[in-house]
Amino acid sequence: MELTIRDYYKAARRTMNDKLTWQQTREHALHGIASECGEIHGLYQKTYQGHELIKERVMDELGDLAWFWMELCFAEKIDPQEVLEYNIDKLVKRYPDGFQAERSVHREI
């Protein structure tokens, strides 16, 4: 099954807590994003202690991160598809010929 970003948004939206206020929803999303980033970081950090990096665990945490990103998009009334398009437009302007370290160091945008 191919899932578009908008399909994912709709599916994720079904599992968001409608009893939260707008501000609580936004804060929940922000706390969740920070927490999931920490969990992902922890998976990689543990490899220095001999733990195996398991792709499925990374995917699980990335999925949770995506869910919280959708929740923040919902709270801010932002279409996640527009976020992706906006980001690519910005990157094309910044790196019209693909990534270049020199442009990264001396970027204007």
Protein backbone atom coordinates (compact mmCIF):
# COMPACT_ATOMS: atom_id res chain seq x y z
CA MET A 1 0.00 0.00 0.00
CA GLU A 2 1.34 3.41 -0.96
CA LEU A 3 0.63 6.02 1.67
CA THR A 4 0.76 9.72 0.87
CA ILE A 5 1.68 12.30 3.47
CA ARG A 6 -1.93 13.52 3.48
CA ASP A 7 -3.20 9.94 3.98
CA TYR A 8 -0.82 9.58 6.92
CA TYR A 9 -2.00 12.89 8.36
CA LYS A 10 -5.64 11.77 8.21
CA ALA A 11 -4.82 8.40 9.78
CA ALA A 12 -2.71 9.98 12.53
CA ARG A 13 -5.37 12.60 13.19
CA ARG A 14 -7.80 9.84 14.20
CA THR A 15 -5.58 8.98 17.18
CA MET A 16 -5.05 12.52 18.50
CA ASN A 17 -6.69 13.56 21.75
CA ASP A 18 -9.57 15.89 20.87
CA LYS A 19 -10.04 16.79 24.53
CA LEU A 20 -6.85 18.87 24.56
CA THR A 21 -6.98 22.60 23.95
CA TRP A 22 -5.08 24.05 21.01
CA GLN A 23 -2.24 25.06 23.34
CA GLN A 24 -2.14 21.64 25.03
CA THR A 25 -2.09 19.92 21.63
CA ARG A 26 0.80 22.11 20.51
CA GLU A 27 2.75 21.51 23.73
CA HIS A 28 2.04 17.77 23.59
CA ALA A 29 3.42 17.68 20.05
CA LEU A 30 6.51 19.69 20.98
CA HIS A 31 7.26 17.51 24.01
CA GLY A 32 6.72 14.41 21.89
CA ILE A 33 9.04 15.61 19.13
CA ALA A 34 11.79 16.33 21.67
CA SER A 35 11.24 12.99 23.40
CA GLU A 36 11.30 10.94 20.20
CA CYS A 37 14.46 12.70 18.99
CA GLY A 38 16.03 11.71 22.30
CA GLU A 39 14.91 8.11 21.90
CA ILE A 40 16.36 7.94 18.39
CA HIS A 41 19.59 9.48 19.63
CA GLY A 42 19.70 6.94 22.45
CA LEU A 43 19.52 4.04 20.01
CA TYR A 44 22.64 5.30 18.26
CA GLN A 45 24.39 6.25 21.51
CA LYS A 46 24.01 2.69 22.79
CA THR A 47 25.99 1.37 19.82
CA TYR A 48 29.06 2.82 21.56
CA GLN A 49 28.28 0.47 24.43
CA GLY A 50 28.07 -2.61 22.24
CA HIS A 51 24.34 -2.62 21.54
CA GLU A 52 23.20 -3.61 18.08
CA LEU A 53 21.39 -0.94 16.09
CA ILE A 54 18.13 -2.56 15.05
CA LYS A 55 16.51 -1.01 11.99
CA GLU A 56 12.97 -1.81 13.17
CA ARG A 57 13.54 0.09 16.44
CA VAL A 58 14.79 3.10 14.48
CA MET A 59 11.73 2.86 12.22
CA ASP A 60 9.47 2.62 15.27
CA GLU A 61 10.88 5.81 16.78
CA LEU A 62 10.88 7.61 13.41
CA GLY A 63 7.22 6.68 13.07
CA ASP A 64 6.49 8.14 16.51
CA LEU A 65 8.38 11.28 15.52
CA ALA A 66 6.28 11.54 12.34
CA TRP A 67 3.09 11.21 14.43
CA PHE A 68 4.09 14.08 16.70
CA TRP A 69 5.07 16.15 13.64
CA MET A 70 1.55 15.57 12.28
CA GLU A 71 0.09 16.62 15.62
CA LEU A 72 2.06 19.88 15.49
CA CYS A 73 0.91 20.46 11.91
CA PHE A 74 -2.68 19.93 13.09
CA ALA A 75 -2.27 22.31 16.04
CA GLU A 76 -0.78 25.02 13.84
CA LYS A 77 -3.19 24.38 10.94
CA ILE A 78 -0.31 23.64 8.59
CA ASP A 79 -0.65 21.20 5.70
CA PRO A 80 2.29 18.75 6.05
CA GLN A 81 2.49 18.44 2.26
CA GLU A 82 3.09 22.19 2.07
CA VAL A 83 5.87 21.86 4.66
CA LEU A 84 7.66 19.33 2.48
CA GLU A 85 7.19 21.38 -0.68
CA TYR A 86 8.33 24.57 1.08
CA ASN A 87 11.43 22.81 2.39
CA ILE A 88 12.43 21.43 -1.01
CA ASP A 89 11.91 24.86 -2.61
CA LYS A 90 14.18 26.37 0.04
CA LEU A 91 16.85 23.71 -0.52
CA VAL A 92 16.76 24.12 -4.30
CA LYS A 93 17.33 27.86 -3.86
CA ARG A 94 20.12 27.22 -1.36
CA TYR A 95 21.80 24.46 -3.38
CA PRO A 96 20.70 24.86 -7.03
CA ASP A 97 23.37 22.41 -8.24
CA GLY A 98 23.10 20.01 -5.29
CA PHE A 99 24.92 20.23 -1.98
CA GLN A 100 28.15 22.21 -1.94
CA ALA A 101 30.09 22.71 1.29
CA GLU A 102 31.13 26.22 0.25
CA ARG A 103 27.50 27.28 -0.21
CA SER A 104 26.64 25.74 3.14
CA VAL A 105 29.34 27.71 4.96
CA HIS A 106 28.50 30.98 3.18
CA ARG A 107 24.77 30.61 2.67
CA GLU A 108 22.46 33.56 2.32
CA ILE A 109 19.16 31.69 2.67
